[in-house]
Amino acid sequence: ISLLGPEHWSCQTALSLEMFDTAAKIALCNRNWNDMKYYLNEIICQNLPTENKVSAYIVKMNYFFYHQHFPQEGRDIALDALSKFGVIFPKKHIKCALIKELIKTKFFLRGKCISKIRDHFVMEDE
């Protein structure tokens, strides 16, 4: 990476991205967290299209999910990355929506026996 030169992001964007991405993955595999964070931050801070940063976000999510055991932070990184593509999920309302659907299901199943549920219509993909 040091051989790329001082203006490598403007002169050799694709090569710089590939090298920093590979270096971040290697650092993740070697549990060298400081180097991994440096390489990922270098990629994410660049003025690049979001599509070019997807791999960096995946490495960062893997770090939080599998190596640090902080799934909430990994989820927040995933939601942030998706929001940059225009896919918006409400962070605070996910639990409320889940509880609402569980309560609806509970009321639907109240008083029904297995045979009534089995005879209910079958859902099919369109």
Foldseek 3Di string as FASTA:
>chain_A
DVVCDDPNCVPPVVVLLVVLLVQLVVCLVVVVVVSNVVSLCVVVPDPDQLVSNVSSLVSVLCCCVPVVVNNVVSVVSVQVSVVSVVDHDDPPCPVVVVVVVVVVVVVVCPPDDPVVVVPDDDDDDD
